Amino acid sequence: MNKTFVKSELNNSEIFNNLKGCFAWALWNDPDIKSILFDTCKSDINNAIAGYSRVLDLISSKNNTSNFYGIQYLGAFEKIRIFKEEKPYVKVYEASKLRLEYLQQL
């Protein structure tokens, strides 16, 4: 996926089994994520939920994958940001779980 995002359904897309792609899908559709990386997509809560849900299907809670797309610097993930040797980290699993729980309450 890139900034020339074409609207389609996640489960019919080429990224459906790609962790990083599904996370990008979620971020680009999340109405609370503001970044120059995601400025060409209209917010769509249902697409964001689908993306975060798929990420959680693809990754274990024990997985330490972190900092995709600069999430360690985004305010939406401040509560789960940790520091190691003064560098910020946000785990993709934790970020997806946090945002999914929030968006499902709306």
PDB file of N, CA and C in Angstrom:
ATOM      1  N   MET A   1       0.835  -1.184   0.000  1.00  0.00           N
ATOM      2  CA  MET A   1       0.000   0.000   0.000  1.00  0.00           C
ATOM      3  C   MET A   1       0.874   1.240   0.000  1.00  0.00           C
ATOM      4  N   ASN A   2       0.375   2.266  -0.598  1.00  0.00           N
ATOM      5  CA  ASN A   2       1.095   3.530  -0.584  1.00  0.00           C
ATOM      6  C   ASN A   2       0.094   4.668  -0.493  1.00  0.00           C
ATOM      7  N   LYS A   3       0.564   5.881  -0.648  1.00  0.00           N
ATOM      8  CA  LYS A   3      -0.309   7.034  -0.472  1.00  0.00           C
ATOM      9  C   LYS A   3      -1.337   7.191  -1.583  1.00  0.00           C
ATOM     10  N   THR A   4      -1.284   6.384  -2.607  1.00  0.00           N
ATOM     11  CA  THR A   4      -2.313   6.407  -3.643  1.00  0.00           C
ATOM     12  C   THR A   4      -3.322   5.306  -3.335  1.00  0.00           C
ATOM     13  N   PHE A   5      -3.853   5.361  -2.151  1.00  0.00           N
ATOM     14  CA  PHE A   5      -4.775   4.378  -1.599  1.00  0.00           C
ATOM     15  C   PHE A   5      -6.023   4.270  -2.464  1.00  0.00           C
ATOM     16  N   VAL A   6      -6.400   3.062  -2.799  1.00  0.00           N
ATOM     17  CA  VAL A   6      -7.628   2.806  -3.538  1.00  0.00           C
ATOM     18  C   VAL A   6      -8.579   2.074  -2.595  1.00  0.00           C
ATOM     19  N   LYS A   7      -9.796   2.594  -2.456  1.00  0.00           N
ATOM     20  CA  LYS A   7     -10.745   1.987  -1.523  1.00  0.00           C
ATOM     21  C   LYS A   7     -11.191   0.619  -2.030  1.00  0.00           C
ATOM     22  N   SER A   8     -11.071  -0.347  -1.181  1.00  0.00           N
ATOM     23  CA  SER A   8     -11.562  -1.688  -1.451  1.00  0.00           C
ATOM     24  C   SER A   8     -11.791  -2.353  -0.105  1.00  0.00           C
ATOM     25  N   GLU A   9     -12.035  -3.624  -0.103  1.00  0.00           N
ATOM     26  CA  GLU A   9     -12.248  -4.334   1.144  1.00  0.00           C
ATOM     27  C   GLU A   9     -10.983  -5.084   1.514  1.00  0.00           C
ATOM     28  N   LEU A  10     -10.644  -5.036   2.793  1.00  0.00           N
ATOM     29  CA  LEU A  10      -9.413  -5.661   3.267  1.00  0.00           C
ATOM     30  C   LEU A  10      -9.364  -7.146   2.937  1.00  0.00           C
ATOM     31  N   ASN A  11     -10.452  -7.849   3.196  1.00  0.00           N
ATOM     32  CA  ASN A  11     -10.417  -9.307   2.998  1.00  0.00           C
ATOM     33  C   ASN A  11     -10.299  -9.710   1.532  1.00  0.00           C
ATOM     34  N   ASN A  12     -10.483  -8.772   0.613  1.00  0.00           N
ATOM     35  CA  ASN A  12     -10.305  -9.057  -0.812  1.00  0.00           C
ATOM     36  C   ASN A  12      -9.017  -8.445  -1.363  1.00  0.00           C
ATOM     37  N   SER A  13      -8.177  -7.952  -0.473  1.00  0.00           N
ATOM     38  CA  SER A  13      -6.987  -7.246  -0.925  1.00  0.00           C
ATOM     39  C   SER A  13      -5.756  -8.150  -0.903  1.00  0.00           C
ATOM     40  N   GLU A  14      -4.729  -7.709  -1.578  1.00  0.00           N
ATOM     41  CA  GLU A  14      -3.462  -8.441  -1.612  1.00  0.00           C
ATOM     42  C   GLU A  14      -2.736  -8.401  -0.274  1.00  0.00           C
ATOM     43  N   ILE A  15      -3.108  -7.483   0.607  1.00  0.00           N
ATOM     44  CA  ILE A  15      -2.402  -7.342   1.888  1.00  0.00           C
ATOM     45  C   ILE A  15      -3.053  -8.125   3.021  1.00  0.00           C
ATOM     46  N   PHE A  16      -4.111  -8.855   2.748  1.00  0.00           N
ATOM     47  CA  PHE A  16      -4.880  -9.529   3.794  1.00  0.00           C
ATOM     48  C   PHE A  16      -4.021 -10.398   4.709  1.00  0.00           C
ATOM     49  N   ASN A  17      -2.983 -11.007   4.205  1.00  0.00           N
ATOM     50  CA  ASN A  17      -2.116 -11.864   5.014  1.00  0.00           C
ATOM     51  C   ASN A  17      -0.772 -11.225   5.322  1.00  0.00           C
ATOM     52  N   ASN A  18      -0.699  -9.912   5.169  1.00  0.00           N
ATOM     53  CA  ASN A  18       0.539  -9.175   5.398  1.00  0.00           C
ATOM     54  C   ASN A  18       0.376  -8.284   6.629  1.00  0.00           C
ATOM     55  N   LEU A  19       1.136  -8.573   7.674  1.00  0.00           N
ATOM     56  CA  LEU A  19       1.020  -7.840   8.935  1.00  0.00           C
ATOM     57  C   LEU A  19       1.184  -6.339   8.747  1.00  0.00           C
ATOM     58  N   LYS A  20       2.249  -5.946   8.106  1.00  0.00           N
ATOM     59  CA  LYS A  20       2.526  -4.518   7.952  1.00  0.00           C
ATOM     60  C   LYS A  20       1.460  -3.840   7.082  1.00  0.00           C
ATOM     61  N   GLY A  21       1.011  -4.519   6.068  1.00  0.00           N
ATOM     62  CA  GLY A  21      -0.030  -3.970   5.204  1.00  0.00           C
ATOM     63  C   GLY A  21      -1.349  -3.793   5.937  1.00  0.00           C
ATOM     64  N   CYS A  22      -1.725  -4.774   6.742  1.00  0.00           N
ATOM     65  CA  CYS A  22      -2.976  -4.683   7.507  1.00  0.00           C
ATOM     66  C   CYS A  22      -2.904  -3.569   8.547  1.00  0.00           C
ATOM     67  N   PHE A  23      -1.730  -3.399   9.135  1.00  0.00           N
ATOM     68  CA  PHE A  23      -1.577  -2.322  10.111  1.00  0.00           C
ATOM     69  C   PHE A  23      -1.672  -0.965   9.418  1.00  0.00           C
ATOM     70  N   ALA A  24      -1.086  -0.852   8.240  1.00  0.00           N
ATOM     71  CA  ALA A  24      -1.197   0.382   7.462  1.00  0.00           C
ATOM     72  C   ALA A  24      -2.661   0.660   7.132  1.00  0.00           C
ATOM     73  N   TRP A  25      -3.383  -0.363   6.712  1.00  0.00           N
ATOM     74  CA  TRP A  25      -4.806  -0.238   6.401  1.00  0.00           C
ATOM     75  C   TRP A  25      -5.546   0.361   7.605  1.00  0.00           C
ATOM     76  N   ALA A  26      -5.282  -0.198   8.784  1.00  0.00           N
ATOM     77  CA  ALA A  26      -5.946   0.273   9.999  1.00  0.00           C
ATOM     78  C   ALA A  26      -5.599   1.726  10.299  1.00  0.00           C
ATOM     79  N   LEU A  27      -4.310   2.050  10.263  1.00  0.00           N
ATOM     80  CA  LEU A  27      -3.891   3.419  10.553  1.00  0.00           C
ATOM     81  C   LEU A  27      -4.481   4.420   9.564  1.00  0.00           C
ATOM     82  N   TRP A  28      -4.465   4.081   8.292  1.00  0.00           N
ATOM     83  CA  TRP A  28      -4.934   5.001   7.261  1.00  0.00           C
ATOM     84  C   TRP A  28      -6.425   5.251   7.356  1.00  0.00           C
ATOM     85  N   ASN A  29      -7.141   4.346   7.987  1.00  0.00           N
ATOM     86  CA  ASN A  29      -8.583   4.513   8.141  1.00  0.00           C
ATOM     87  C   ASN A  29      -9.003   4.974   9.529  1.00  0.00           C
ATOM     88  N   ASP A  30      -8.082   4.983  10.467  1.00  0.00           N
ATOM     89  CA  ASP A  30      -8.386   5.365  11.848  1.00  0.00           C
ATOM     90  C   ASP A  30      -8.613   6.874  11.913  1.00  0.00           C
ATOM     91  N   PRO A  31      -9.796   7.308  12.350  1.00  0.00           N
ATOM     92  CA  PRO A  31     -10.098   8.743  12.349  1.00  0.00           C
ATOM     93  C   PRO A  31      -9.256   9.567  13.322  1.00  0.00           C
ATOM     94  N   ASP A  32      -8.631   8.935  14.300  1.00  0.00           N
ATOM     95  CA  ASP A  32      -7.845   9.672  15.287  1.00  0.00           C
ATOM     96  C   ASP A  32      -6.354   9.721  14.975  1.00  0.00           C
ATOM     97  N   ILE A  33      -5.920   9.048  13.940  1.00  0.00           N
ATOM     98  CA  ILE A  33      -4.504   9.033  13.586  1.00  0.00           C
ATOM     99  C   ILE A  33      -4.240  10.144  12.592  1.00  0.00           C
ATOM    100  N   LYS A  34      -3.429  11.074  13.001  1.00  0.00           N
ATOM    101  CA  LYS A  34      -3.082  12.205  12.143  1.00  0.00           C
ATOM    102  C   LYS A  34      -1.589  12.156  11.850  1.00  0.00           C
ATOM    103  N   SER A  35      -1.255  12.032  10.579  1.00  0.00           N
ATOM    104  CA  SER A  35       0.137  11.961  10.168  1.00  0.00           C
ATOM    105  C   SER A  35       0.225  12.289   8.689  1.00  0.00           C
ATOM    106  N   ILE A  36       1.328  12.857   8.266  1.00  0.00           N
ATOM    107  CA  ILE A  36       1.489  13.129   6.843  1.00  0.00           C
ATOM    108  C   ILE A  36       1.560  11.832   6.040  1.00  0.00           C
ATOM    109  N   LEU A  37       1.842  10.722   6.701  1.00  0.00           N
ATOM    110  CA  LEU A  37       1.871   9.427   6.016  1.00  0.00           C
ATOM    111  C   LEU A  37       0.473   8.950   5.639  1.00  0.00           C
ATOM    112  N   PHE A  38      -0.551   9.443   6.347  1.00  0.00           N
ATOM    113  CA  PHE A  38      -1.894   8.909   6.175  1.00  0.00           C
ATOM    114  C   PHE A  38      -2.889   9.959   5.690  1.00  0.00           C
ATOM    115  N   ASP A  39      -2.423  11.003   5.027  1.00  0.00           N
ATOM    116  CA  ASP A  39      -3.295  12.134   4.723  1.00  0.00           C
ATOM    117  C   ASP A  39      -4.149  11.971   3.479  1.00  0.00           C
ATOM    118  N   THR A  40      -4.075  10.881   2.778  1.00  0.00           N
ATOM    119  CA  THR A  40      -4.855  10.756   1.545  1.00  0.00           C
ATOM    120  C   THR A  40      -6.047   9.826   1.679  1.00  0.00           C
ATOM    121  N   CYS A  41      -6.291   9.284   2.841  1.00  0.00           N
ATOM    122  CA  CYS A  41      -7.391   8.352   3.034  1.00  0.00           C
ATOM    123  C   CYS A  41      -8.481   8.999   3.872  1.00  0.00           C
ATOM    124  N   LYS A  42      -9.717   8.807   3.486  1.00  0.00           N
ATOM    125  CA  LYS A  42     -10.821   9.255   4.316  1.00  0.00           C
ATOM    126  C   LYS A  42     -10.946   8.309   5.505  1.00  0.00           C
ATOM    127  N   SER A  43     -11.272   8.863   6.652  1.00  0.00           N
ATOM    128  CA  SER A  43     -11.452   8.030   7.838  1.00  0.00           C
ATOM    129  C   SER A  43     -12.645   7.108   7.655  1.00  0.00           C
ATOM    130  N   ASP A  44     -12.466   5.866   8.036  1.00  0.00           N
ATOM    131  CA  ASP A  44     -13.534   4.883   7.957  1.00  0.00           C
ATOM    132  C   ASP A  44     -13.364   3.928   9.131  1.00  0.00           C
ATOM    133  N   ILE A  45     -14.178   4.121  10.154  1.00  0.00           N
ATOM    134  CA  ILE A  45     -14.043   3.343  11.381  1.00  0.00           C
ATOM    135  C   ILE A  45     -14.149   1.842  11.099  1.00  0.00           C
ATOM    136  N   ASN A  46     -15.062   1.444  10.244  1.00  0.00           N
ATOM    137  CA  ASN A  46     -15.220   0.012   9.955  1.00  0.00           C
ATOM    138  C   ASN A  46     -13.977  -0.573   9.298  1.00  0.00           C
ATOM    139  N   ASN A  47     -13.358   0.180   8.394  1.00  0.00           N
ATOM    140  CA  ASN A  47     -12.112  -0.295   7.781  1.00  0.00           C
ATOM    141  C   ASN A  47     -10.980  -0.333   8.802  1.00  0.00           C
ATOM    142  N   ALA A  48     -10.932   0.644   9.701  1.00  0.00           N
ATOM    143  CA  ALA A  48      -9.903   0.643  10.746  1.00  0.00           C
ATOM    144  C   ALA A  48     -10.081  -0.574  11.648  1.00  0.00           C
ATOM    145  N   ILE A  49     -11.309  -0.839  12.055  1.00  0.00           N
ATOM    146  CA  ILE A  49     -11.596  -2.006  12.897  1.00  0.00           C
ATOM    147  C   ILE A  49     -11.184  -3.292  12.178  1.00  0.00           C
ATOM    148  N   ALA A  50     -11.507  -3.391  10.904  1.00  0.00           N
ATOM    149  CA  ALA A  50     -11.123  -4.584  10.133  1.00  0.00           C
ATOM    150  C   ALA A  50      -9.611  -4.746  10.096  1.00  0.00           C
ATOM    151  N   GLY A  51      -8.899  -3.652   9.910  1.00  0.00           N
ATOM    152  CA  GLY A  51      -7.442  -3.714   9.860  1.00  0.00           C
ATOM    153  C   GLY A  51      -6.829  -4.119  11.185  1.00  0.00           C
ATOM    154  N   TYR A  52      -7.248  -3.463  12.263  1.00  0.00           N
ATOM    155  CA  TYR A  52      -6.703  -3.803  13.585  1.00  0.00           C
ATOM    156  C   TYR A  52      -7.067  -5.241  13.967  1.00  0.00           C
ATOM    157  N   SER A  53      -8.275  -5.665  13.645  1.00  0.00           N
ATOM    158  CA  SER A  53      -8.690  -7.042  13.941  1.00  0.00           C
ATOM    159  C   SER A  53      -7.810  -8.042  13.202  1.00  0.00           C
ATOM    160  N   ARG A  54      -7.543  -7.757  11.952  1.00  0.00           N
ATOM    161  CA  ARG A  54      -6.710  -8.668  11.151  1.00  0.00           C
ATOM    162  C   ARG A  54      -5.281  -8.711  11.678  1.00  0.00           C
ATOM    163  N   VAL A  55      -4.753  -7.573  12.108  1.00  0.00           N
ATOM    164  CA  VAL A  55      -3.416  -7.548  12.702  1.00  0.00           C
ATOM    165  C   VAL A  55      -3.380  -8.494  13.898  1.00  0.00           C
ATOM    166  N   LEU A  56      -4.403  -8.419  14.751  1.00  0.00           N
ATOM    167  CA  LEU A  56      -4.429  -9.280  15.930  1.00  0.00           C
ATOM    168  C   LEU A  56      -4.575 -10.752  15.571  1.00  0.00           C
ATOM    169  N   ASP A  57      -5.175 -11.040  14.417  1.00  0.00           N
ATOM    170  CA  ASP A  57      -5.225 -12.424  13.929  1.00  0.00           C
ATOM    171  C   ASP A  57      -3.848 -12.909  13.478  1.00  0.00           C
ATOM    172  N   LEU A  58      -3.049 -11.975  12.983  1.00  0.00           N
ATOM    173  CA  LEU A  58      -1.755 -12.333  12.387  1.00  0.00           C
ATOM    174  C   LEU A  58      -0.578 -12.315  13.360  1.00  0.00           C
ATOM    175  N   ILE A  59      -0.755 -11.729  14.543  1.00  0.00           N
ATOM    176  CA  ILE A  59       0.382 -11.529  15.446  1.00  0.00           C
ATOM    177  C   ILE A  59       0.031 -11.992  16.857  1.00  0.00           C
ATOM    178  N   SER A  60       0.989 -12.516  17.537  1.00  0.00           N
ATOM    179  CA  SER A  60       0.834 -12.969  18.910  1.00  0.00           C
ATOM    180  C   SER A  60       1.104 -11.823  19.885  1.00  0.00           C
ATOM    181  N   SER A  61       0.501 -11.893  21.049  1.00  0.00           N
ATOM    182  CA  SER A  61       0.744 -10.876  22.082  1.00  0.00           C
ATOM    183  C   SER A  61       2.203 -10.896  22.545  1.00  0.00           C
ATOM    184  N   LYS A  62       2.902 -11.986  22.299  1.00  0.00           N
ATOM    185  CA  LYS A  62       4.308 -12.106  22.695  1.00  0.00           C
ATOM    186  C   LYS A  62       5.257 -11.537  21.642  1.00  0.00           C
ATOM    187  N   ASN A  63       4.714 -11.176  20.495  1.00  0.00           N
ATOM    188  CA  ASN A  63       5.528 -10.641  19.405  1.00  0.00           C
ATOM    189  C   ASN A  63       5.973  -9.222  19.746  1.00  0.00           C
ATOM    190  N   ASN A  64       7.241  -8.934  19.585  1.00  0.00           N
ATOM    191  CA  ASN A  64       7.792  -7.628  19.927  1.00  0.00           C
ATOM    192  C   ASN A  64       7.933  -6.672  18.745  1.00  0.00           C
ATOM    193  N   THR A  65       7.335  -7.003  17.610  1.00  0.00           N
ATOM    194  CA  THR A  65       7.391  -6.105  16.464  1.00  0.00           C
ATOM    195  C   THR A  65       6.871  -4.738  16.888  1.00  0.00           C
ATOM    196  N   SER A  66       7.630  -3.700  16.560  1.00  0.00           N
ATOM    197  CA  SER A  66       7.239  -2.363  17.013  1.00  0.00           C
ATOM    198  C   SER A  66       7.617  -1.291  15.998  1.00  0.00           C
ATOM    199  N   ASN A  67       7.028  -0.129  16.214  1.00  0.00           N
ATOM    200  CA  ASN A  67       7.380   1.115  15.530  1.00  0.00           C
ATOM    201  C   ASN A  67       7.102   1.143  14.028  1.00  0.00           C
ATOM    202  N   PHE A  68       6.147   0.347  13.549  1.00  0.00           N
ATOM    203  CA  PHE A  68       5.748   0.495  12.153  1.00  0.00           C
ATOM    204  C   PHE A  68       5.235   1.913  11.938  1.00  0.00           C
ATOM    205  N   TYR A  69       5.600   2.518  10.839  1.00  0.00           N
ATOM    206  CA  TYR A  69       5.050   3.799  10.384  1.00  0.00           C
ATOM    207  C   TYR A  69       5.180   4.928  11.407  1.00  0.00           C
ATOM    208  N   GLY A  70       6.177   4.868  12.261  1.00  0.00           N
ATOM    209  CA  GLY A  70       6.413   5.943  13.223  1.00  0.00           C
ATOM    210  C   GLY A  70       5.388   6.032  14.335  1.00  0.00           C
ATOM    211  N   ILE A  71       4.718   4.928  14.657  1.00  0.00           N
ATOM    212  CA  ILE A  71       3.673   4.978  15.686  1.00  0.00           C
ATOM    213  C   ILE A  71       4.209   5.359  17.059  1.00  0.00           C
ATOM    214  N   GLN A  72       5.508   5.172  17.258  1.00  0.00           N
ATOM    215  CA  GLN A  72       6.092   5.512  18.554  1.00  0.00           C
ATOM    216  C   GLN A  72       6.029   7.008  18.828  1.00  0.00           C
ATOM    217  N   TYR A  73       5.751   7.814  17.814  1.00  0.00           N
ATOM    218  CA  TYR A  73       5.685   9.261  17.969  1.00  0.00           C
ATOM    219  C   TYR A  73       4.263   9.810  17.944  1.00  0.00           C
ATOM    220  N   LEU A  74       3.269   8.958  17.725  1.00  0.00           N
ATOM    221  CA  LEU A  74       1.891   9.416  17.611  1.00  0.00           C
ATOM    222  C   LEU A  74       1.211   9.458  18.976  1.00  0.00           C
ATOM    223  N   GLY A  75       0.488  10.530  19.222  1.00  0.00           N
ATOM    224  CA  GLY A  75      -0.185  10.727  20.501  1.00  0.00           C
ATOM    225  C   GLY A  75      -1.193   9.645  20.850  1.00  0.00           C
ATOM    226  N   ALA A  76      -1.811   9.042  19.858  1.00  0.00           N
ATOM    227  CA  ALA A  76      -2.815   8.010  20.113  1.00  0.00           C
ATOM    228  C   ALA A  76      -2.228   6.803  20.847  1.00  0.00           C
ATOM    229  N   PHE A  77      -0.908   6.657  20.793  1.00  0.00           N
ATOM    230  CA  PHE A  77      -0.260   5.495  21.404  1.00  0.00           C
ATOM    231  C   PHE A  77       0.607   5.869  22.616  1.00  0.00           C
ATOM    232  N   GLU A  78       0.441   7.073  23.095  1.00  0.00           N
ATOM    233  CA  GLU A  78       1.261   7.555  24.209  1.00  0.00           C
ATOM    234  C   GLU A  78       1.133   6.678  25.458  1.00  0.00           C
ATOM    235  N   LYS A  79      -0.062   6.163  25.733  1.00  0.00           N
ATOM    236  CA  LYS A  79      -0.282   5.349  26.932  1.00  0.00           C
ATOM    237  C   LYS A  79       0.484   4.040  26.919  1.00  0.00           C
ATOM    238  N   ILE A  80       0.836   3.554  25.746  1.00  0.00           N
ATOM    239  CA  ILE A  80       1.518   2.254  25.669  1.00  0.00           C
ATOM    240  C   ILE A  80       2.969   2.384  25.204  1.00  0.00           C
ATOM    241  N   ARG A  81       3.428   3.601  25.046  1.00  0.00           N
ATOM    242  CA  ARG A  81       4.813   3.858  24.624  1.00  0.00           C
ATOM    243  C   ARG A  81       5.764   3.491  25.763  1.00  0.00           C
ATOM    244  N   ILE A  82       6.806   2.756  25.420  1.00  0.00           N
ATOM    245  CA  ILE A  82       7.856   2.442  26.393  1.00  0.00           C
ATOM    246  C   ILE A  82       9.183   2.983  25.864  1.00  0.00           C
ATOM    247  N   PHE A  83      10.131   3.114  26.749  1.00  0.00           N
ATOM    248  CA  PHE A  83      11.448   3.614  26.353  1.00  0.00           C
ATOM    249  C   PHE A  83      12.511   2.588  26.714  1.00  0.00           C
ATOM    250  N   LYS A  84      13.395   2.355  25.769  1.00  0.00           N
ATOM    251  CA  LYS A  84      14.561   1.506  25.983  1.00  0.00           C
ATOM    252  C   LYS A  84      15.760   2.320  25.552  1.00  0.00           C
ATOM    253  N   GLU A  85      16.663   2.520  26.487  1.00  0.00           N
ATOM    254  CA  GLU A  85      17.850   3.327  26.207  1.00  0.00           C
ATOM    255  C   GLU A  85      17.459   4.667  25.577  1.00  0.00           C
ATOM    256  N   GLU A  86      16.429   5.276  26.140  1.00  0.00           N
ATOM    257  CA  GLU A  86      15.931   6.594  25.749  1.00  0.00           C
ATOM    258  C   GLU A  86      15.272   6.636  24.369  1.00  0.00           C
ATOM    259  N   LYS A  87      15.049   5.492  23.751  1.00  0.00           N
ATOM    260  CA  LYS A  87      14.365   5.439  22.457  1.00  0.00           C
ATOM    261  C   LYS A  87      12.940   4.944  22.669  1.00  0.00           C
ATOM    262  N   PRO A  88      11.947   5.598  22.028  1.00  0.00           N
ATOM    263  CA  PRO A  88      10.547   5.183  22.214  1.00  0.00           C
ATOM    264  C   PRO A  88      10.188   3.965  21.362  1.00  0.00           C
ATOM    265  N   TYR A  89       9.333   3.122  21.922  1.00  0.00           N
ATOM    266  CA  TYR A  89       8.852   1.935  21.230  1.00  0.00           C
ATOM    267  C   TYR A  89       7.360   1.755  21.504  1.00  0.00           C
ATOM    268  N   VAL A  90       6.640   1.359  20.477  1.00  0.00           N
ATOM    269  CA  VAL A  90       5.243   0.965  20.618  1.00  0.00           C
ATOM    270  C   VAL A  90       5.079  -0.344  19.856  1.00  0.00           C
ATOM    271  N   LYS A  91       4.657  -1.385  20.571  1.00  0.00           N
ATOM    272  CA  LYS A  91       4.455  -2.683  19.945  1.00  0.00           C
ATOM    273  C   LYS A  91       3.211  -2.642  19.056  1.00  0.00           C
ATOM    274  N   VAL A  92       3.312  -3.240  17.899  1.00  0.00           N
ATOM    275  CA  VAL A  92       2.204  -3.286  16.941  1.00  0.00           C
ATOM    276  C   VAL A  92       1.006  -4.014  17.543  1.00  0.00           C
ATOM    277  N   TYR A  93       1.254  -5.098  18.247  1.00  0.00           N
ATOM    278  CA  TYR A  93       0.158  -5.837  18.881  1.00  0.00           C
ATOM    279  C   TYR A  93      -0.586  -4.938  19.860  1.00  0.00           C
ATOM    280  N   GLU A  94       0.141  -4.284  20.749  1.00  0.00           N
ATOM    281  CA  GLU A  94      -0.481  -3.428  21.765  1.00  0.00           C
ATOM    282  C   GLU A  94      -1.215  -2.251  21.129  1.00  0.00           C
ATOM    283  N   ALA A  95      -0.635  -1.661  20.096  1.00  0.00           N
ATOM    284  CA  ALA A  95      -1.266  -0.539  19.408  1.00  0.00           C
ATOM    285  C   ALA A  95      -2.581  -0.981  18.766  1.00  0.00           C
ATOM    286  N   SER A  96      -2.570  -2.127  18.125  1.00  0.00           N
ATOM    287  CA  SER A  96      -3.778  -2.635  17.471  1.00  0.00           C
ATOM    288  C   SER A  96      -4.864  -2.957  18.487  1.00  0.00           C
ATOM    289  N   LYS A  97      -4.476  -3.575  19.570  1.00  0.00           N
ATOM    290  CA  LYS A  97      -5.430  -3.919  20.618  1.00  0.00           C
ATOM    291  C   LYS A  97      -6.053  -2.660  21.217  1.00  0.00           C
ATOM    292  N   LEU A  98      -5.231  -1.681  21.527  1.00  0.00           N
ATOM    293  CA  LEU A  98      -5.699  -0.427  22.116  1.00  0.00           C
ATOM    294  C   LEU A  98      -6.701   0.274  21.204  1.00  0.00           C
ATOM    295  N   ARG A  99      -6.341   0.443  19.946  1.00  0.00           N
ATOM    296  CA  ARG A  99      -7.213   1.160  19.009  1.00  0.00           C
ATOM    297  C   ARG A  99      -8.479   0.370  18.697  1.00  0.00           C
ATOM    298  N   LEU A 100      -8.373  -0.954  18.571  1.00  0.00           N
ATOM    299  CA  LEU A 100      -9.546  -1.771  18.297  1.00  0.00           C
ATOM    300  C   LEU A 100     -10.561  -1.644  19.428  1.00  0.00           C
ATOM    301  N   GLU A 101     -10.093  -1.763  20.660  1.00  0.00           N
ATOM    302  CA  GLU A 101     -10.992  -1.644  21.806  1.00  0.00           C
ATOM    303  C   GLU A 101     -11.666  -0.274  21.834  1.00  0.00           C
ATOM    304  N   TYR A 102     -10.919   0.769  21.554  1.00  0.00           N
ATOM    305  CA  TYR A 102     -11.475   2.114  21.544  1.00  0.00           C
ATOM    306  C   TYR A 102     -12.521   2.283  20.439  1.00  0.00           C
ATOM    307  N   LEU A 103     -12.172   1.898  19.224  1.00  0.00           N
ATOM    308  CA  LEU A 103     -13.070   2.096  18.082  1.00  0.00           C
ATOM    309  C   LEU A 103     -14.342   1.258  18.195  1.00  0.00           C
ATOM    310  N   GLN A 104     -14.266   0.100  18.806  1.00  0.00           N
ATOM    311  CA  GLN A 104     -15.448  -0.737  18.958  1.00  0.00           C
ATOM    312  C   GLN A 104     -16.442  -0.144  19.952  1.00  0.00           C
ATOM    313  N   GLN A 105     -15.995   0.777  20.779  1.00  0.00           N
ATOM    314  CA  GLN A 105     -16.887   1.422  21.749  1.00  0.00           C
ATOM    315  C   GLN A 105     -17.632   2.606  21.154  1.00  0.00           C
ATOM    316  N   LEU A 106     -17.218   3.055  19.985  1.00  0.00           N
ATOM    317  CA  LEU A 106     -17.862   4.233  19.370  1.00  0.00           C
ATOM    318  C   LEU A 106     -19.206   3.890  18.762  1.00  0.00           C
TER     319      LEU A 106
END
